[in-house]
Amino acid sequence: MNLLDKKEHYINLFDFYEGLLSDKQKQYFREYYFQDLSLGEMAENYGVTRNAIYDHLRKIDSQLDLYEDKLGLFRKYCERKRIYDEASLLNPEVQKIINKLKEIE
């Protein structure tokens, strides 16, 4: 998995499992993945080593992967989306029902 794919993967998992992370984990994740801060910048901000930031981010990534392995929310979402996309090509009435279902989610 290249860096861009990896980043997209963890951002998607974060969308589903953010509520299960601690405030500190959320903050580290947002700064690294959304604000694009480097490990050095984060280390300087928190007064720790780059390695400490790196380890903390890897633990967050591992935790997100664990949640996905156990709960599968993102995988199920992708499967539903694939089914919706396929079904919407079949019939305009089906498309209306799918749009209603998407509003619920």
N, C-alpha and C. Protein backbone atom coordinates (compact mmCIF):
# COMPACT_ATOMS: atom_id res chain seq x y z
N MET A 1 0.87 -1.17 0.00
CA MET A 1 0.00 0.00 0.00
C MET A 1 0.91 1.23 0.00
N ASN A 2 0.70 2.11 -0.97
CA ASN A 2 1.53 3.31 -1.02
C ASN A 2 1.07 4.31 0.03
N LEU A 3 1.83 5.35 0.20
CA LEU A 3 1.57 6.32 1.27
C LEU A 3 0.20 6.98 1.14
N LEU A 4 -0.18 7.33 -0.08
CA LEU A 4 -1.48 7.98 -0.30
C LEU A 4 -2.63 7.04 0.02
N ASP A 5 -2.52 5.78 -0.42
CA ASP A 5 -3.55 4.79 -0.11
C ASP A 5 -3.65 4.54 1.39
N LYS A 6 -2.50 4.49 2.04
CA LYS A 6 -2.46 4.27 3.49
C LYS A 6 -3.15 5.43 4.22
N LYS A 7 -2.84 6.63 3.79
CA LYS A 7 -3.44 7.81 4.41
C LYS A 7 -4.96 7.80 4.22
N GLU A 8 -5.41 7.50 3.02
CA GLU A 8 -6.84 7.45 2.75
C GLU A 8 -7.51 6.35 3.58
N HIS A 9 -6.85 5.21 3.70
CA HIS A 9 -7.38 4.09 4.48
C HIS A 9 -7.63 4.50 5.93
N TYR A 10 -6.63 5.12 6.55
CA TYR A 10 -6.77 5.49 7.96
C TYR A 10 -7.73 6.66 8.17
N ILE A 11 -7.81 7.55 7.23
CA ILE A 11 -8.79 8.64 7.33
C ILE A 11 -10.21 8.07 7.26
N ASN A 12 -10.42 7.10 6.38
CA ASN A 12 -11.73 6.45 6.31
C ASN A 12 -12.07 5.74 7.61
N LEU A 13 -11.10 5.01 8.16
CA LEU A 13 -11.35 4.32 9.43
C LEU A 13 -11.60 5.32 10.55
N PHE A 14 -10.88 6.43 10.54
CA PHE A 14 -11.07 7.46 11.56
C PHE A 14 -12.49 8.00 11.51
N ASP A 15 -13.03 8.17 10.31
CA ASP A 15 -14.41 8.65 10.17
C ASP A 15 -15.39 7.74 10.90
N PHE A 16 -15.13 6.45 10.88
CA PHE A 16 -16.04 5.49 11.50
C PHE A 16 -15.78 5.28 12.99
N TYR A 17 -14.51 5.36 13.40
CA TYR A 17 -14.16 4.96 14.77
C TYR A 17 -13.60 6.09 15.63
N GLU A 18 -13.71 7.30 15.17
CA GLU A 18 -13.20 8.46 15.92
C GLU A 18 -13.71 8.47 17.35
N GLY A 19 -14.96 8.17 17.56
CA GLY A 19 -15.56 8.21 18.89
C GLY A 19 -14.97 7.20 19.86
N LEU A 20 -14.24 6.23 19.37
CA LEU A 20 -13.64 5.21 20.23
C LEU A 20 -12.22 5.57 20.66
N LEU A 21 -11.69 6.65 20.11
CA LEU A 21 -10.33 7.08 20.44
C LEU A 21 -10.35 8.10 21.57
N SER A 22 -9.23 8.19 22.28
CA SER A 22 -9.10 9.20 23.33
C SER A 22 -8.93 10.57 22.69
N ASP A 23 -9.11 11.62 23.49
CA ASP A 23 -8.94 12.98 22.97
C ASP A 23 -7.52 13.20 22.45
N LYS A 24 -6.54 12.66 23.16
CA LYS A 24 -5.15 12.81 22.74
C LYS A 24 -4.90 12.10 21.41
N GLN A 25 -5.47 10.91 21.27
CA GLN A 25 -5.32 10.18 20.02
C GLN A 25 -5.96 10.93 18.86
N LYS A 26 -7.14 11.48 19.09
CA LYS A 26 -7.82 12.26 18.06
C LYS A 26 -6.97 13.46 17.65
N GLN A 27 -6.41 14.13 18.64
CA GLN A 27 -5.61 15.32 18.36
C GLN A 27 -4.37 14.95 17.54
N TYR A 28 -3.64 13.92 17.94
CA TYR A 28 -2.47 13.49 17.19
C TYR A 28 -2.86 13.10 15.76
N PHE A 29 -3.93 12.35 15.64
CA PHE A 29 -4.37 11.90 14.32
C PHE A 29 -4.70 13.09 13.43
N ARG A 30 -5.49 14.01 13.93
CA ARG A 30 -5.89 15.18 13.13
C ARG A 30 -4.69 16.01 12.70
N GLU A 31 -3.75 16.21 13.62
CA GLU A 31 -2.58 17.02 13.28
C GLU A 31 -1.74 16.36 12.21
N TYR A 32 -1.59 15.05 12.30
CA TYR A 32 -0.75 14.35 11.33
C TYR A 32 -1.46 14.14 10.00
N TYR A 33 -2.68 13.65 10.02
CA TYR A 33 -3.38 13.29 8.79
C TYR A 33 -4.13 14.44 8.14
N PHE A 34 -4.72 15.33 8.93
CA PHE A 34 -5.54 16.40 8.35
C PHE A 34 -4.77 17.72 8.22
N GLN A 35 -3.97 18.05 9.22
CA GLN A 35 -3.23 19.31 9.17
C GLN A 35 -1.86 19.12 8.54
N ASP A 36 -1.48 17.89 8.26
CA ASP A 36 -0.23 17.56 7.57
C ASP A 36 1.01 18.03 8.31
N LEU A 37 0.96 18.01 9.64
CA LEU A 37 2.16 18.34 10.41
C LEU A 37 3.15 17.19 10.31
N SER A 38 4.42 17.51 10.29
CA SER A 38 5.44 16.47 10.25
C SER A 38 5.66 15.91 11.65
N LEU A 39 6.34 14.79 11.72
CA LEU A 39 6.67 14.21 13.03
C LEU A 39 7.51 15.18 13.84
N GLY A 40 8.43 15.86 13.16
CA GLY A 40 9.28 16.84 13.85
C GLY A 40 8.49 18.00 14.41
N GLU A 41 7.53 18.51 13.64
CA GLU A 41 6.70 19.62 14.12
C GLU A 41 5.86 19.19 15.31
N MET A 42 5.31 18.01 15.24
CA MET A 42 4.50 17.52 16.35
C MET A 42 5.36 17.28 17.58
N ALA A 43 6.53 16.72 17.39
CA ALA A 43 7.43 16.46 18.50
C ALA A 43 7.81 17.76 19.20
N GLU A 44 8.07 18.78 18.41
CA GLU A 44 8.41 20.08 18.97
C GLU A 44 7.23 20.67 19.75
N ASN A 45 6.04 20.55 19.20
CA ASN A 45 4.84 21.07 19.87
C ASN A 45 4.58 20.39 21.21
N TYR A 46 4.87 19.11 21.30
CA TYR A 46 4.56 18.35 22.51
C TYR A 46 5.77 18.12 23.42
N GLY A 47 6.94 18.56 22.97
CA GLY A 47 8.14 18.40 23.78
C GLY A 47 8.56 16.95 23.96
N VAL A 48 8.37 16.16 22.90
CA VAL A 48 8.78 14.76 22.93
C VAL A 48 9.62 14.49 21.69
N THR A 49 10.10 13.26 21.56
CA THR A 49 10.92 12.91 20.40
C THR A 49 10.04 12.57 19.19
N ARG A 50 10.64 12.64 18.04
CA ARG A 50 9.94 12.24 16.82
C ARG A 50 9.53 10.77 16.90
N ASN A 51 10.40 9.97 17.50
CA ASN A 51 10.12 8.55 17.63
C ASN A 51 8.89 8.31 18.51
N ALA A 52 8.72 9.11 19.54
CA ALA A 52 7.56 8.98 20.41
C ALA A 52 6.27 9.29 19.63
N ILE A 53 6.32 10.31 18.81
CA ILE A 53 5.16 10.66 17.97
C ILE A 53 4.88 9.54 16.98
N TYR A 54 5.93 9.05 16.35
CA TYR A 54 5.79 7.97 15.38
C TYR A 54 5.14 6.75 16.04
N ASP A 55 5.65 6.36 17.21
CA ASP A 55 5.10 5.20 17.92
C ASP A 55 3.64 5.41 18.28
N HIS A 56 3.31 6.60 18.72
CA HIS A 56 1.93 6.90 19.10
C HIS A 56 1.00 6.81 17.88
N LEU A 57 1.44 7.36 16.76
CA LEU A 57 0.62 7.30 15.53
C LEU A 57 0.45 5.86 15.05
N ARG A 58 1.50 5.04 15.15
CA ARG A 58 1.39 3.63 14.73
C ARG A 58 0.41 2.89 15.63
N LYS A 59 0.41 3.23 16.92
CA LYS A 59 -0.55 2.60 17.84
C LYS A 59 -1.98 2.99 17.50
N ILE A 60 -2.17 4.24 17.12
CA ILE A 60 -3.51 4.70 16.70
C ILE A 60 -3.93 3.94 15.44
N ASP A 61 -3.03 3.84 14.46
CA ASP A 61 -3.34 3.10 13.24
C ASP A 61 -3.69 1.65 13.55
N SER A 62 -2.93 1.02 14.44
CA SER A 62 -3.19 -0.37 14.82
C SER A 62 -4.55 -0.50 15.51
N GLN A 63 -4.86 0.47 16.34
CA GLN A 63 -6.14 0.44 17.03
C GLN A 63 -7.29 0.58 16.05
N LEU A 64 -7.15 1.48 15.08
CA LEU A 64 -8.19 1.63 14.05
C LEU A 64 -8.36 0.35 13.25
N ASP A 65 -7.24 -0.29 12.91
CA ASP A 65 -7.31 -1.57 12.19
C ASP A 65 -8.00 -2.63 13.03
N LEU A 66 -7.72 -2.66 14.32
CA LEU A 66 -8.35 -3.62 15.22
C LEU A 66 -9.86 -3.41 15.28
N TYR A 67 -10.28 -2.15 15.41
CA TYR A 67 -11.71 -1.85 15.43
C TYR A 67 -12.38 -2.32 14.14
N GLU A 68 -11.72 -2.08 13.02
CA GLU A 68 -12.29 -2.49 11.74
C GLU A 68 -12.35 -4.02 11.65
N ASP A 69 -11.30 -4.70 12.11
CA ASP A 69 -11.30 -6.16 12.10
C ASP A 69 -12.45 -6.72 12.93
N LYS A 70 -12.69 -6.10 14.07
CA LYS A 70 -13.73 -6.61 14.99
C LYS A 70 -15.13 -6.19 14.57
N LEU A 71 -15.29 -4.93 14.15
CA LEU A 71 -16.63 -4.39 13.89
C LEU A 71 -16.99 -4.35 12.40
N GLY A 72 -16.01 -4.10 11.55
CA GLY A 72 -16.23 -4.12 10.11
C GLY A 72 -17.16 -3.04 9.57
N LEU A 73 -17.26 -1.92 10.26
CA LEU A 73 -18.20 -0.88 9.82
C LEU A 73 -17.85 -0.31 8.45
N PHE A 74 -16.57 -0.06 8.21
CA PHE A 74 -16.16 0.51 6.93
C PHE A 74 -16.36 -0.50 5.81
N ARG A 75 -15.99 -1.75 6.05
CA ARG A 75 -16.17 -2.81 5.06
C ARG A 75 -17.65 -2.96 4.69
N LYS A 76 -18.51 -2.95 5.70
CA LYS A 76 -19.95 -3.07 5.45
C LYS A 76 -20.49 -1.86 4.69
N TYR A 77 -19.98 -0.68 5.02
CA TYR A 77 -20.38 0.54 4.31
C TYR A 77 -20.00 0.42 2.82
N CYS A 78 -18.78 -0.03 2.55
CA CYS A 78 -18.33 -0.16 1.16
C CYS A 78 -19.18 -1.17 0.40
N GLU A 79 -19.53 -2.27 1.07
CA GLU A 79 -20.37 -3.28 0.42
C GLU A 79 -21.76 -2.74 0.14
N ARG A 80 -22.35 -2.02 1.11
CA ARG A 80 -23.67 -1.41 0.88
C ARG A 80 -23.61 -0.43 -0.29
N LYS A 81 -22.57 0.38 -0.32
CA LYS A 81 -22.42 1.37 -1.39
C LYS A 81 -22.32 0.69 -2.75
N ARG A 82 -21.57 -0.40 -2.82
CA ARG A 82 -21.43 -1.14 -4.07
C ARG A 82 -22.80 -1.69 -4.52
N ILE A 83 -23.55 -2.23 -3.58
CA ILE A 83 -24.87 -2.78 -3.91
C ILE A 83 -25.81 -1.66 -4.35
N TYR A 84 -25.78 -0.54 -3.63
CA TYR A 84 -26.62 0.61 -4.01
C TYR A 84 -26.29 1.07 -5.42
N ASP A 85 -25.00 1.17 -5.71
CA ASP A 85 -24.57 1.65 -7.03
C ASP A 85 -25.04 0.70 -8.13
N GLU A 86 -24.91 -0.60 -7.90
CA GLU A 86 -25.36 -1.58 -8.88
C GLU A 86 -26.88 -1.52 -9.07
N ALA A 87 -27.60 -1.46 -7.97
CA ALA A 87 -29.06 -1.48 -8.02
C ALA A 87 -29.62 -0.21 -8.63
N SER A 88 -28.94 0.89 -8.44
CA SER A 88 -29.46 2.16 -8.95
C SER A 88 -29.45 2.22 -10.47
N LEU A 89 -28.66 1.37 -11.09
CA LEU A 89 -28.62 1.33 -12.55
C LEU A 89 -29.81 0.59 -13.13
N LEU A 90 -30.49 -0.19 -12.30
CA LEU A 90 -31.55 -1.06 -12.79
C LEU A 90 -32.87 -0.34 -13.07
N ASN A 91 -33.24 0.56 -12.18
CA ASN A 91 -34.60 1.06 -12.24
C ASN A 91 -34.68 2.40 -11.50
N PRO A 92 -35.36 3.39 -12.07
CA PRO A 92 -35.49 4.69 -11.38
C PRO A 92 -36.22 4.58 -10.04
N GLU A 93 -37.16 3.65 -9.91
CA GLU A 93 -37.87 3.47 -8.64
C GLU A 93 -36.92 2.95 -7.57
N VAL A 94 -36.04 2.05 -7.98
CA VAL A 94 -35.04 1.52 -7.05
C VAL A 94 -34.12 2.66 -6.61
N GLN A 95 -33.79 3.54 -7.52
CA GLN A 95 -32.93 4.69 -7.19
C GLN A 95 -33.57 5.55 -6.12
N LYS A 96 -34.87 5.77 -6.18
CA LYS A 96 -35.57 6.56 -5.17
C LYS A 96 -35.48 5.90 -3.80
N ILE A 97 -35.66 4.59 -3.76
CA ILE A 97 -35.57 3.85 -2.50
C ILE A 97 -34.15 3.92 -1.94
N ILE A 98 -33.17 3.77 -2.81
CA ILE A 98 -31.78 3.84 -2.37
C ILE A 98 -31.46 5.22 -1.82
N ASN A 99 -31.93 6.25 -2.44
CA ASN A 99 -31.70 7.61 -1.94
C ASN A 99 -32.30 7.79 -0.55
N LYS A 100 -33.47 7.23 -0.31
CA LYS A 100 -34.07 7.29 1.02
C LYS A 100 -33.22 6.54 2.04
N LEU A 101 -32.72 5.38 1.66
CA LEU A 101 -31.85 4.60 2.56
C LEU A 101 -30.57 5.36 2.88
N LYS A 102 -29.99 6.02 1.89
CA LYS A 102 -28.77 6.80 2.11
C LYS A 102 -29.00 7.95 3.07
N GLU A 103 -30.18 8.55 3.00
CA GLU A 103 -30.51 9.64 3.93
C GLU A 103 -30.56 9.15 5.37
N ILE A 104 -30.98 7.93 5.57
CA ILE A 104 -31.06 7.34 6.90
C ILE A 104 -29.67 7.12 7.48
N GLU A 105 -28.75 6.67 6.64
CA GLU A 105 -27.39 6.37 7.12
C GLU A 105 -26.74 7.62 7.50
